[in-house]
Amino acid sequence: MNILLALFSLPLAFVVAVDPLQQLTQLSDASNGHIKLDANTFDLLTSPQRTWSATIQLTALDPRRKCNPCKQFDTTWKAVSKAWSTVPKPERDLHFFATLDFDDAQLVFQKLGLQSAPAVYVYPAANGPRAPTSGKSSPLKYDFSNGVDPAPLAESLSKHTPIPIPYKDPIDWTQYILSAFGVLASIALLRFTAPIVKSRWTWAILTVGTSLIMTSGYMFTRIRGMPYNGGGGNWIAGGFQSQFGQEVNVVAGIYGLLSLSFLMLVMVVPYQSSPSRQRAQIYLWSAVFVLVYSVLVSLFRVKNRGLHWYPFKLFL
C-alpha cells in the first residue's frame, strides 16, 4: 500500500519541483516567443526571485473596451516581440515578452494603479548575474513619448535585454515599385520628347530665359529675402539697393521684348521677300524697341525719385 501511494505521489512531486524558468521557457516556446498571461502566470513571470527579465504589455484588446490605441500599439508590440523570437535560444530564455489583457487579470491592473492602456513594463532580473548593480528590481514603465513605432520601441527595450533586439523595418516594396514605374515612364516619355529635348531651339529658349531672369535681379531678391511686392499695389522698391520680386517679372519681360525686337530686326526682317512687308516690319519692330526701352528708362526714373533724380528720359 505504501508503495502504491509513493508511485501516485511522484507526478505531483515532479510538478512541484518544476523550475519556474523552465515553465516560462515552455510557455514561450509554445507560443512562438510571446506569452499570453493571466493573473497566475503574471505572478510567476514577475516573481521576486526571478533570475530573468521580462517585458510585459498591459492592454485591453477586447472589442467591448473600444481601446483603439491598444489595437494600434499591438501591431508594434507583435513586430518587436517577433524580432526577439529570432535571437539564439540561450539569450531568448533570459528575457521574455508577454501580454496581459485587462479582462484576464483586472486585479493586476488595480495593483499596478493603471488607469489607461496600453502600457509597457520592463521587469529587470531580481537575482543572478543579470540583476542591476544598484539592487533596484522594480519595474520600469516605457515612455511612449519615445515613439510608438517598432524601431524606437525596440531600441529602448534593447537596453534591458541580454542582446539588442534585432528589429529591422520591413522593406517598403511600394517605394521600389513606384521608383521603377517612374523610371520606365521617364524612358517612355523621353522616347516621344526626344526631338524636343535634342532641339537646339529648346536649349536656346531655356538659356535665354534663365539669363533674362537672372539679369533681372532674381538672385538679388532671393539672397536678401525681399517680398514679392510692397503691398497696397506698390511693386516698385525705391532706390537701386532694393527690389521687389514682382519687379523681376516686369524687368525680365522688358528685357525679353527688347531682345525679341532686336532679333526680329536682325534675323527675320532682312530675309523678307516682299519689300512692303519688310518695310512694315522694320517700322513695327523699331517702334517696339523704342517704346519698350522708354518704359525701361521710365522705370529707372520711378525707382530713383527724391534727391538723386534719374536725369534721362525717352518719350515716356
C-alpha atoms as a PDB file:
ATOM      1  CA  MET A   1       0.000   0.000   0.000  1.00  0.00           C
ATOM      2  CA  ASN A   2       2.796   2.425   0.847  1.00  0.00           C
ATOM      3  CA  ILE A   3       4.443   1.612  -2.440  1.00  0.00           C
ATOM      4  CA  LEU A   4       1.277   2.494  -4.347  1.00  0.00           C
ATOM      5  CA  LEU A   5       0.931   5.817  -2.528  1.00  0.00           C
ATOM      6  CA  ALA A   6       4.516   6.650  -3.323  1.00  0.00           C
ATOM      7  CA  LEU A   7       4.002   5.910  -7.006  1.00  0.00           C
ATOM      8  CA  PHE A   8       0.892   8.111  -7.191  1.00  0.00           C
ATOM      9  CA  SER A   9       2.704  10.957  -5.449  1.00  0.00           C
ATOM     10  CA  LEU A  10       5.595  11.015  -7.924  1.00  0.00           C
ATOM     11  CA  PRO A  11       3.810  13.067 -10.672  1.00  0.00           C
ATOM     12  CA  LEU A  12       2.685  15.651  -8.089  1.00  0.00           C
ATOM     13  CA  ALA A  13       6.175  15.935  -6.710  1.00  0.00           C
ATOM     14  CA  PHE A  14       7.503  16.351 -10.251  1.00  0.00           C
ATOM     15  CA  VAL A  15       5.102  19.213 -10.986  1.00  0.00           C
ATOM     16  CA  VAL A  16       6.004  20.971  -7.763  1.00  0.00           C
ATOM     17  CA  ALA A  17       9.683  20.604  -8.488  1.00  0.00           C
ATOM     18  CA  VAL A  18       9.495  22.137 -11.986  1.00  0.00           C
ATOM     19  CA  ASP A  19      11.798  25.140 -12.216  1.00  0.00           C
ATOM     20  CA  PRO A  20       9.895  28.443 -12.804  1.00  0.00           C
ATOM     21  CA  LEU A  21      12.357  29.395 -15.541  1.00  0.00           C
ATOM     22  CA  GLN A  22      11.667  26.098 -17.251  1.00  0.00           C
ATOM     23  CA  GLN A  23       7.922  26.727 -17.061  1.00  0.00           C
ATOM     24  CA  LEU A  24       8.320  30.145 -18.643  1.00  0.00           C
ATOM     25  CA  THR A  25      10.576  28.735 -21.323  1.00  0.00           C
ATOM     26  CA  GLN A  26       7.983  26.120 -22.176  1.00  0.00           C
ATOM     27  CA  LEU A  27       5.234  28.736 -22.328  1.00  0.00           C
ATOM     28  CA  SER A  28       7.377  30.920 -24.547  1.00  0.00           C
ATOM     29  CA  ASP A  29       8.305  28.094 -26.917  1.00  0.00           C
ATOM     30  CA  ALA A  30       4.677  27.003 -27.158  1.00  0.00           C
ATOM     31  CA  SER A  31       3.550  30.492 -28.256  1.00  0.00           C
ATOM     32  CA  ASN A  32       6.397  31.419 -30.633  1.00  0.00           C
ATOM     33  CA  GLY A  33       8.252  33.539 -28.110  1.00  0.00           C
ATOM     34  CA  HIS A  34       5.280  35.542 -26.842  1.00  0.00           C
ATOM     35  CA  ILE A  35       3.488  34.546 -23.630  1.00  0.00           C
ATOM     36  CA  LYS A  36      -0.188  35.312 -23.068  1.00  0.00           C
ATOM     37  CA  LEU A  37      -0.560  35.922 -19.337  1.00  0.00           C
ATOM     38  CA  ASP A  38      -3.222  35.597 -16.716  1.00  0.00           C
ATOM     39  CA  ALA A  39      -3.007  36.518 -13.016  1.00  0.00           C
ATOM     40  CA  ASN A  40      -1.108  33.329 -12.100  1.00  0.00           C
ATOM     41  CA  THR A  41       1.436  33.398 -14.913  1.00  0.00           C
ATOM     42  CA  PHE A  42       1.923  37.130 -14.313  1.00  0.00           C
ATOM     43  CA  ASP A  43       2.922  36.390 -10.720  1.00  0.00           C
ATOM     44  CA  LEU A  44       5.204  33.629 -11.976  1.00  0.00           C
ATOM     45  CA  LEU A  45       6.856  35.890 -14.563  1.00  0.00           C
ATOM     46  CA  THR A  46       7.347  38.774 -12.098  1.00  0.00           C
ATOM     47  CA  SER A  47       8.460  36.605  -9.181  1.00  0.00           C
ATOM     48  CA  PRO A  48      10.694  38.456  -6.685  1.00  0.00           C
ATOM     49  CA  GLN A  49      13.186  35.592  -7.017  1.00  0.00           C
ATOM     50  CA  ARG A  50      13.426  35.857 -10.803  1.00  0.00           C
ATOM     51  CA  THR A  51      16.802  35.456 -12.467  1.00  0.00           C
ATOM     52  CA  TRP A  52      15.345  36.517 -15.806  1.00  0.00           C
ATOM     53  CA  SER A  53      13.962  39.782 -17.111  1.00  0.00           C
ATOM     54  CA  ALA A  54      10.672  40.417 -18.877  1.00  0.00           C
ATOM     55  CA  THR A  55       8.830  42.996 -20.912  1.00  0.00           C
ATOM     56  CA  ILE A  56       5.078  42.991 -20.457  1.00  0.00           C
ATOM     57  CA  GLN A  57       2.409  44.728 -22.481  1.00  0.00           C
ATOM     58  CA  LEU A  58      -0.695  45.552 -20.438  1.00  0.00           C
ATOM     59  CA  THR A  59      -3.569  46.175 -22.782  1.00  0.00           C
ATOM     60  CA  ALA A  60      -7.325  45.874 -23.382  1.00  0.00           C
ATOM     61  CA  LEU A  61      -7.930  44.274 -26.758  1.00  0.00           C
ATOM     62  CA  ASP A  62     -11.484  43.081 -26.179  1.00  0.00           C
ATOM     63  CA  PRO A  63     -13.783  44.889 -28.664  1.00  0.00           C
ATOM     64  CA  ARG A  64     -16.066  45.783 -25.773  1.00  0.00           C
ATOM     65  CA  ARG A  65     -13.340  48.032 -24.354  1.00  0.00           C
ATOM     66  CA  LYS A  66     -13.138  50.095 -27.566  1.00  0.00           C
ATOM     67  CA  CYS A  67      -9.462  50.807 -26.966  1.00  0.00           C
ATOM     68  CA  ASN A  68      -8.204  51.994 -30.355  1.00  0.00           C
ATOM     69  CA  PRO A  69      -4.703  52.870 -29.042  1.00  0.00           C
ATOM     70  CA  CYS A  70      -4.441  49.295 -27.755  1.00  0.00           C
ATOM     71  CA  LYS A  71      -5.201  47.864 -31.187  1.00  0.00           C
ATOM     72  CA  GLN A  72      -2.790  50.224 -32.913  1.00  0.00           C
ATOM     73  CA  PHE A  73       0.062  49.579 -30.499  1.00  0.00           C
ATOM     74  CA  ASP A  74      -0.500  45.812 -30.526  1.00  0.00           C
ATOM     75  CA  THR A  75       0.819  45.704 -34.106  1.00  0.00           C
ATOM     76  CA  THR A  76       4.012  47.431 -32.976  1.00  0.00           C
ATOM     77  CA  TRP A  77       4.318  45.136 -29.981  1.00  0.00           C
ATOM     78  CA  LYS A  78       3.957  41.978 -32.056  1.00  0.00           C
ATOM     79  CA  ALA A  79       6.599  43.172 -34.543  1.00  0.00           C
ATOM     80  CA  VAL A  80       9.153  43.740 -31.757  1.00  0.00           C
ATOM     81  CA  SER A  81       8.360  40.507 -29.905  1.00  0.00           C
ATOM     82  CA  LYS A  82       8.601  38.586 -33.176  1.00  0.00           C
ATOM     83  CA  ALA A  83      12.037  40.068 -33.763  1.00  0.00           C
ATOM     84  CA  TRP A  84      13.104  38.937 -30.274  1.00  0.00           C
ATOM     85  CA  SER A  85      11.916  35.390 -31.024  1.00  0.00           C
ATOM     86  CA  THR A  86      14.621  35.118 -33.698  1.00  0.00           C
ATOM     87  CA  VAL A  87      17.574  35.540 -31.316  1.00  0.00           C
ATOM     88  CA  PRO A  88      19.522  32.432 -30.179  1.00  0.00           C
ATOM     89  CA  LYS A  89      17.741  30.384 -27.540  1.00  0.00           C
ATOM     90  CA  PRO A  90      20.303  30.913 -24.726  1.00  0.00           C
ATOM     91  CA  GLU A  91      19.695  34.674 -24.829  1.00  0.00           C
ATOM     92  CA  ARG A  92      15.983  34.357 -25.631  1.00  0.00           C
ATOM     93  CA  ASP A  93      15.396  32.307 -22.491  1.00  0.00           C
ATOM     94  CA  LEU A  94      16.830  35.077 -20.321  1.00  0.00           C
ATOM     95  CA  HIS A  95      14.231  37.653 -21.336  1.00  0.00           C
ATOM     96  CA  PHE A  96      10.553  37.096 -22.045  1.00  0.00           C
ATOM     97  CA  PHE A  97       7.931  39.068 -23.947  1.00  0.00           C
ATOM     98  CA  ALA A  98       4.390  38.746 -22.659  1.00  0.00           C
ATOM     99  CA  THR A  99       0.951  40.342 -22.881  1.00  0.00           C
ATOM    100  CA  LEU A 100      -1.600  40.720 -20.104  1.00  0.00           C
ATOM    101  CA  ASP A 101      -5.126  41.682 -21.123  1.00  0.00           C
ATOM    102  CA  PHE A 102      -7.326  43.646 -18.745  1.00  0.00           C
ATOM    103  CA  ASP A 103     -10.127  41.082 -18.941  1.00  0.00           C
ATOM    104  CA  ASP A 104      -7.752  38.285 -17.915  1.00  0.00           C
ATOM    105  CA  ALA A 105      -6.417  39.926 -14.757  1.00  0.00           C
ATOM    106  CA  GLN A 106      -8.230  43.044 -13.610  1.00  0.00           C
ATOM    107  CA  LEU A 107      -6.739  42.775 -10.122  1.00  0.00           C
ATOM    108  CA  VAL A 108      -3.226  43.116 -11.584  1.00  0.00           C
ATOM    109  CA  PHE A 109      -4.210  46.379 -13.277  1.00  0.00           C
ATOM    110  CA  GLN A 110      -5.616  47.625  -9.982  1.00  0.00           C
ATOM    111  CA  LYS A 111      -2.474  46.586  -8.116  1.00  0.00           C
ATOM    112  CA  LEU A 112      -0.320  48.495 -10.612  1.00  0.00           C
ATOM    113  CA  GLY A 113      -2.621  51.511 -10.434  1.00  0.00           C
ATOM    114  CA  LEU A 114      -3.206  51.611 -14.180  1.00  0.00           C
ATOM    115  CA  GLN A 115      -5.956  53.975 -15.295  1.00  0.00           C
ATOM    116  CA  SER A 116      -5.340  53.670 -19.022  1.00  0.00           C
ATOM    117  CA  ALA A 117      -3.956  51.265 -21.577  1.00  0.00           C
ATOM    118  CA  PRO A 118      -1.768  50.287 -23.292  1.00  0.00           C
ATOM    119  CA  ALA A 119       1.262  50.293 -21.011  1.00  0.00           C
ATOM    120  CA  VAL A 120       4.619  48.530 -21.229  1.00  0.00           C
ATOM    121  CA  TYR A 121       6.572  47.500 -18.143  1.00  0.00           C
ATOM    122  CA  VAL A 122      10.111  46.147 -18.051  1.00  0.00           C
ATOM    123  CA  TYR A 123      10.909  43.870 -15.120  1.00  0.00           C
ATOM    124  CA  PRO A 124      14.685  43.522 -14.691  1.00  0.00           C
ATOM    125  CA  ALA A 125      16.203  40.432 -13.147  1.00  0.00           C
ATOM    126  CA  ALA A 126      15.999  40.449  -9.347  1.00  0.00           C
ATOM    127  CA  ASN A 127      18.706  37.868  -8.713  1.00  0.00           C
ATOM    128  CA  GLY A 128      21.606  36.335 -10.534  1.00  0.00           C
ATOM    129  CA  PRO A 129      24.311  37.824 -12.762  1.00  0.00           C
ATOM    130  CA  ARG A 130      21.851  39.992 -14.736  1.00  0.00           C
ATOM    131  CA  ALA A 131      20.461  41.739 -11.659  1.00  0.00           C
ATOM    132  CA  PRO A 132      21.084  45.524 -11.671  1.00  0.00           C
ATOM    133  CA  THR A 133      24.176  46.574  -9.723  1.00  0.00           C
ATOM    134  CA  SER A 134      22.039  49.189  -7.972  1.00  0.00           C
ATOM    135  CA  GLY A 135      19.924  46.402  -6.478  1.00  0.00           C
ATOM    136  CA  LYS A 136      16.716  48.002  -7.768  1.00  0.00           C
ATOM    137  CA  SER A 137      14.465  45.430  -9.386  1.00  0.00           C
ATOM    138  CA  SER A 138      11.258  47.461  -9.512  1.00  0.00           C
ATOM    139  CA  PRO A 139       9.534  47.574 -12.915  1.00  0.00           C
ATOM    140  CA  LEU A 140      10.287  50.359 -15.368  1.00  0.00           C
ATOM    141  CA  LYS A 141       7.468  51.876 -17.414  1.00  0.00           C
ATOM    142  CA  TYR A 142       8.110  52.619 -21.091  1.00  0.00           C
ATOM    143  CA  ASP A 143       7.637  56.264 -22.018  1.00  0.00           C
ATOM    144  CA  PHE A 144       5.508  56.419 -25.162  1.00  0.00           C
ATOM    145  CA  SER A 145       6.912  59.857 -25.945  1.00  0.00           C
ATOM    146  CA  ASN A 146       9.998  57.990 -27.183  1.00  0.00           C
ATOM    147  CA  GLY A 147       7.874  56.666 -30.042  1.00  0.00           C
ATOM    148  CA  VAL A 148       5.130  54.137 -30.700  1.00  0.00           C
ATOM    149  CA  ASP A 149       6.697  52.671 -33.833  1.00  0.00           C
ATOM    150  CA  PRO A 150       8.587  49.364 -33.692  1.00  0.00           C
ATOM    151  CA  ALA A 151      12.045  50.867 -34.271  1.00  0.00           C
ATOM    152  CA  PRO A 152      12.144  53.270 -31.262  1.00  0.00           C
ATOM    153  CA  LEU A 153      10.416  50.696 -29.066  1.00  0.00           C
ATOM    154  CA  ALA A 154      12.993  48.023 -29.946  1.00  0.00           C
ATOM    155  CA  GLU A 155      15.854  50.472 -29.409  1.00  0.00           C
ATOM    156  CA  SER A 156      14.563  51.452 -25.974  1.00  0.00           C
ATOM    157  CA  LEU A 157      13.838  47.895 -24.835  1.00  0.00           C
ATOM    158  CA  SER A 158      17.252  46.708 -26.042  1.00  0.00           C
ATOM    159  CA  LYS A 159      18.749  48.478 -23.034  1.00  0.00           C
ATOM    160  CA  HIS A 160      17.181  45.787 -20.842  1.00  0.00           C
ATOM    161  CA  THR A 161      17.657  42.648 -22.959  1.00  0.00           C
ATOM    162  CA  PRO A 162      20.731  40.371 -22.926  1.00  0.00           C
ATOM    163  CA  ILE A 163      21.480  41.347 -26.525  1.00  0.00           C
ATOM    164  CA  PRO A 164      19.934  44.069 -28.716  1.00  0.00           C
ATOM    165  CA  ILE A 165      16.582  43.255 -30.282  1.00  0.00           C
ATOM    166  CA  PRO A 166      17.302  42.538 -33.974  1.00  0.00           C
ATOM    167  CA  TYR A 167      14.389  44.528 -35.335  1.00  0.00           C
ATOM    168  CA  LYS A 168      14.542  45.822 -38.902  1.00  0.00           C
ATOM    169  CA  ASP A 169      11.878  47.818 -40.671  1.00  0.00           C
ATOM    170  CA  PRO A 170      10.134  45.759 -43.349  1.00  0.00           C
ATOM    171  CA  ILE A 171      11.099  46.516 -46.925  1.00  0.00           C
ATOM    172  CA  ASP A 172       8.819  49.127 -48.430  1.00  0.00           C
ATOM    173  CA  TRP A 173       8.145  47.443 -51.761  1.00  0.00           C
ATOM    174  CA  THR A 174       5.722  50.195 -52.715  1.00  0.00           C
ATOM    175  CA  GLN A 175       8.562  52.704 -52.869  1.00  0.00           C
ATOM    176  CA  TYR A 176      10.627  50.426 -55.108  1.00  0.00           C
ATOM    177  CA  ILE A 177       7.665  49.726 -57.391  1.00  0.00           C
ATOM    178  CA  LEU A 178       6.846  53.420 -57.728  1.00  0.00           C
ATOM    179  CA  SER A 179      10.511  54.237 -58.422  1.00  0.00           C
ATOM    180  CA  ALA A 180      10.709  51.545 -61.109  1.00  0.00           C
ATOM    181  CA  PHE A 181       7.460  52.779 -62.632  1.00  0.00           C
ATOM    182  CA  GLY A 182       8.798  56.341 -62.625  1.00  0.00           C
ATOM    183  CA  VAL A 183      11.988  55.284 -64.397  1.00  0.00           C
ATOM    184  CA  LEU A 184      10.067  53.316 -67.039  1.00  0.00           C
ATOM    185  CA  ALA A 185       7.632  56.186 -67.535  1.00  0.00           C
ATOM    186  CA  SER A 186      10.533  58.625 -67.925  1.00  0.00           C
ATOM    187  CA  ILE A 187      12.160  56.390 -70.534  1.00  0.00           C
ATOM    188  CA  ALA A 188       8.876  56.078 -72.430  1.00  0.00           C
ATOM    189  CA  LEU A 189       8.277  59.823 -72.219  1.00  0.00           C
ATOM    190  CA  LEU A 190      11.820  60.536 -73.356  1.00  0.00           C
ATOM    191  CA  ARG A 191      11.192  58.471 -76.463  1.00  0.00           C
ATOM    192  CA  PHE A 192       8.385  60.807 -77.508  1.00  0.00           C
ATOM    193  CA  THR A 193      10.022  64.020 -76.321  1.00  0.00           C
ATOM    194  CA  ALA A 194      13.481  63.235 -77.701  1.00  0.00           C
ATOM    195  CA  PRO A 195      13.070  65.559 -80.722  1.00  0.00           C
ATOM    196  CA  ILE A 196      12.177  68.420 -78.384  1.00  0.00           C
ATOM    197  CA  VAL A 197      14.983  67.647 -75.951  1.00  0.00           C
ATOM    198  CA  LYS A 198      17.533  67.374 -78.756  1.00  0.00           C
ATOM    199  CA  SER A 199      16.396  70.581 -80.454  1.00  0.00           C
ATOM    200  CA  ARG A 200      18.872  73.424 -80.135  1.00  0.00           C
ATOM    201  CA  TRP A 201      15.958  75.859 -80.027  1.00  0.00           C
ATOM    202  CA  THR A 202      14.700  74.250 -76.828  1.00  0.00           C
ATOM    203  CA  TRP A 203      18.021  74.769 -75.113  1.00  0.00           C
ATOM    204  CA  ALA A 204      18.358  78.236 -76.628  1.00  0.00           C
ATOM    205  CA  ILE A 205      14.979  79.263 -75.152  1.00  0.00           C
ATOM    206  CA  LEU A 206      15.885  77.792 -71.750  1.00  0.00           C
ATOM    207  CA  THR A 207      19.268  79.524 -71.778  1.00  0.00           C
ATOM    208  CA  VAL A 208      17.877  82.894 -72.826  1.00  0.00           C
ATOM    209  CA  GLY A 209      15.003  82.627 -70.338  1.00  0.00           C
ATOM    210  CA  THR A 210      17.377  81.800 -67.477  1.00  0.00           C
ATOM    211  CA  SER A 211      19.669  84.661 -68.470  1.00  0.00           C
ATOM    212  CA  LEU A 212      16.783  87.118 -68.544  1.00  0.00           C
ATOM    213  CA  ILE A 213      15.550  86.077 -65.100  1.00  0.00           C
ATOM    214  CA  MET A 214      18.998  86.174 -63.517  1.00  0.00           C
ATOM    215  CA  THR A 215      19.976  89.518 -65.023  1.00  0.00           C
ATOM    216  CA  SER A 216      16.652  90.973 -63.869  1.00  0.00           C
ATOM    217  CA  GLY A 217      17.587  90.594 -60.204  1.00  0.00           C
ATOM    218  CA  TYR A 218      16.155  87.190 -59.256  1.00  0.00           C
ATOM    219  CA  MET A 219      19.129  86.129 -57.130  1.00  0.00           C
ATOM    220  CA  PHE A 220      19.275  89.596 -55.567  1.00  0.00           C
ATOM    221  CA  THR A 221      15.744  89.215 -54.208  1.00  0.00           C
ATOM    222  CA  ARG A 222      16.312  85.589 -53.139  1.00  0.00           C
ATOM    223  CA  ILE A 223      19.533  86.279 -51.231  1.00  0.00           C
ATOM    224  CA  ARG A 224      18.105  89.291 -49.424  1.00  0.00           C
ATOM    225  CA  GLY A 225      14.692  87.695 -48.839  1.00  0.00           C
ATOM    226  CA  MET A 226      12.803  90.572 -50.440  1.00  0.00           C
ATOM    227  CA  PRO A 227       8.971  90.362 -50.523  1.00  0.00           C
ATOM    228  CA  TYR A 228       7.100  89.883 -53.780  1.00  0.00           C
ATOM    229  CA  ASN A 229       5.622  93.384 -53.527  1.00  0.00           C
ATOM    230  CA  GLY A 230       5.288  96.229 -51.081  1.00  0.00           C
ATOM    231  CA  GLY A 231       1.555  95.917 -50.530  1.00  0.00           C
ATOM    232  CA  GLY A 232      -1.149  98.396 -51.445  1.00  0.00           C
ATOM    233  CA  GLY A 233      -0.421  97.935 -55.142  1.00  0.00           C
ATOM    234  CA  ASN A 234       3.174  99.096 -54.735  1.00  0.00           C
ATOM    235  CA  TRP A 235       5.512  96.796 -56.686  1.00  0.00           C
ATOM    236  CA  ILE A 236       8.478  99.125 -57.270  1.00  0.00           C
ATOM    237  CA  ALA A 237      11.022  99.465 -54.461  1.00  0.00           C
ATOM    238  CA  GLY A 238      12.713 102.841 -54.283  1.00  0.00           C
ATOM    239  CA  GLY A 239      16.465 103.034 -54.885  1.00  0.00           C
ATOM    240  CA  PHE A 240      18.931 100.776 -56.641  1.00  0.00           C
ATOM    241  CA  GLN A 241      19.763  98.892 -53.414  1.00  0.00           C
ATOM    242  CA  SER A 242      16.338  97.267 -53.063  1.00  0.00           C
ATOM    243  CA  GLN A 243      13.987  95.403 -55.355  1.00  0.00           C
ATOM    244  CA  PHE A 244      10.694  93.552 -55.017  1.00  0.00           C
ATOM    245  CA  GLY A 245      10.097  90.127 -56.528  1.00  0.00           C
ATOM    246  CA  GLN A 246       7.427  91.486 -58.849  1.00  0.00           C
ATOM    247  CA  GLU A 247       9.987  93.830 -60.378  1.00  0.00           C
ATOM    248  CA  VAL A 248      11.950  90.802 -61.547  1.00  0.00           C
ATOM    249  CA  ASN A 249       8.990  89.672 -63.651  1.00  0.00           C
ATOM    250  CA  VAL A 250       8.470  93.110 -65.175  1.00  0.00           C
ATOM    251  CA  VAL A 251      12.153  93.763 -65.904  1.00  0.00           C
ATOM    252  CA  ALA A 252      12.591  90.255 -67.359  1.00  0.00           C
ATOM    253  CA  GLY A 253       9.594  90.871 -69.641  1.00  0.00           C
ATOM    254  CA  ILE A 254      11.038  94.200 -70.760  1.00  0.00           C
ATOM    255  CA  TYR A 255      14.434  92.674 -71.490  1.00  0.00           C
ATOM    256  CA  GLY A 256      12.725  89.843 -73.347  1.00  0.00           C
ATOM    257  CA  LEU A 257      10.755  92.222 -75.598  1.00  0.00           C
ATOM    258  CA  LEU A 258      13.881  94.257 -76.293  1.00  0.00           C
ATOM    259  CA  SER A 259      15.775  91.110 -77.238  1.00  0.00           C
ATOM    260  CA  LEU A 260      12.921  89.834 -79.388  1.00  0.00           C
ATOM    261  CA  SER A 261      12.579  93.107 -81.305  1.00  0.00           C
ATOM    262  CA  PHE A 262      16.337  93.211 -81.901  1.00  0.00           C
ATOM    263  CA  LEU A 263      16.413  89.589 -83.114  1.00  0.00           C
ATOM    264  CA  MET A 264      13.482  90.209 -85.464  1.00  0.00           C
ATOM    265  CA  LEU A 265      15.252  93.204 -86.987  1.00  0.00           C
ATOM    266  CA  VAL A 266      18.492  91.256 -87.444  1.00  0.00           C
ATOM    267  CA  MET A 267      17.388  87.702 -88.246  1.00  0.00           C
ATOM    268  CA  VAL A 268      13.886  87.889 -89.752  1.00  0.00           C
ATOM    269  CA  VAL A 269      13.306  91.238 -91.447  1.00  0.00           C
ATOM    270  CA  PRO A 270      16.313  91.074 -93.833  1.00  0.00           C
ATOM    271  CA  TYR A 271      15.014  87.808 -95.327  1.00  0.00           C
ATOM    272  CA  GLN A 272      11.540  89.091 -96.211  1.00  0.00           C
ATOM    273  CA  SER A 273      10.883  88.709 -99.958  1.00  0.00           C
ATOM    274  CA  SER A 274       8.251  91.427-100.112  1.00  0.00           C
ATOM    275  CA  PRO A 275       9.637  94.995 -99.856  1.00  0.00           C
ATOM    276  CA  SER A 276       6.391  96.329 -98.405  1.00  0.00           C
ATOM    277  CA  ARG A 277       6.229  93.611 -95.748  1.00  0.00           C
ATOM    278  CA  GLN A 278       9.883  94.183 -94.927  1.00  0.00           C
ATOM    279  CA  ARG A 279       9.291  97.921 -94.564  1.00  0.00           C
ATOM    280  CA  ALA A 280       6.260  97.388 -92.323  1.00  0.00           C
ATOM    281  CA  GLN A 281       8.183  95.012 -90.065  1.00  0.00           C
ATOM    282  CA  ILE A 282      11.066  97.449 -89.787  1.00  0.00           C
ATOM    283  CA  TYR A 283       8.679 100.177 -88.606  1.00  0.00           C
ATOM    284  CA  LEU A 284       6.876  97.759 -86.277  1.00  0.00           C
ATOM    285  CA  TRP A 285       9.889  96.284 -84.503  1.00  0.00           C
ATOM    286  CA  SER A 286      11.730  99.594 -84.369  1.00  0.00           C
ATOM    287  CA  ALA A 287       8.708 101.156 -82.668  1.00  0.00           C
ATOM    288  CA  VAL A 288       8.508  98.224 -80.238  1.00  0.00           C
ATOM    289  CA  PHE A 289      12.177  98.561 -79.418  1.00  0.00           C
ATOM    290  CA  VAL A 290      11.978 102.322 -78.792  1.00  0.00           C
ATOM    291  CA  LEU A 291       8.739 102.196 -76.776  1.00  0.00           C
ATOM    292  CA  VAL A 292       9.846  99.303 -74.593  1.00  0.00           C
ATOM    293  CA  TYR A 293      13.194 100.955 -73.975  1.00  0.00           C
ATOM    294  CA  SER A 294      11.293 104.112 -72.989  1.00  0.00           C
ATOM    295  CA  VAL A 295       9.369 102.036 -70.412  1.00  0.00           C
ATOM    296  CA  LEU A 296      12.644 100.691 -69.034  1.00  0.00           C
ATOM    297  CA  VAL A 297      14.121 104.166 -68.662  1.00  0.00           C
ATOM    298  CA  SER A 298      10.873 105.364 -67.087  1.00  0.00           C
ATOM    299  CA  LEU A 299      11.123 102.533 -64.570  1.00  0.00           C
ATOM    300  CA  PHE A 300      14.578 103.727 -63.566  1.00  0.00           C
ATOM    301  CA  ARG A 301      13.143 107.231 -63.032  1.00  0.00           C
ATOM    302  CA  VAL A 302      10.390 105.871 -60.760  1.00  0.00           C
ATOM    303  CA  LYS A 303      12.902 103.909 -58.666  1.00  0.00           C
ATOM    304  CA  ASN A 304      15.047 106.997 -58.115  1.00  0.00           C
ATOM    305  CA  ARG A 305      12.635 109.677 -57.061  1.00  0.00           C
ATOM    306  CA  GLY A 306      13.998 112.040 -54.472  1.00  0.00           C
ATOM    307  CA  LEU A 307      17.324 113.795 -54.108  1.00  0.00           C
ATOM    308  CA  HIS A 308      19.109 111.726 -56.751  1.00  0.00           C
ATOM    309  CA  TRP A 309      16.633 112.066 -59.587  1.00  0.00           C
ATOM    310  CA  TYR A 310      17.364 109.926 -62.652  1.00  0.00           C
ATOM    311  CA  PRO A 311      18.077 112.559 -65.357  1.00  0.00           C
ATOM    312  CA  PHE A 312      17.397 110.531 -68.520  1.00  0.00           C
ATOM    313  CA  LYS A 313      14.154 110.140 -70.404  1.00  0.00           C
ATOM    314  CA  LEU A 314      12.947 108.763 -73.725  1.00  0.00           C
ATOM    315  CA  PHE A 315       9.355 109.558 -74.822  1.00  0.00           C
ATOM    316  CA  LEU A 316       7.783 108.454 -71.520  1.00  0.00           C
END
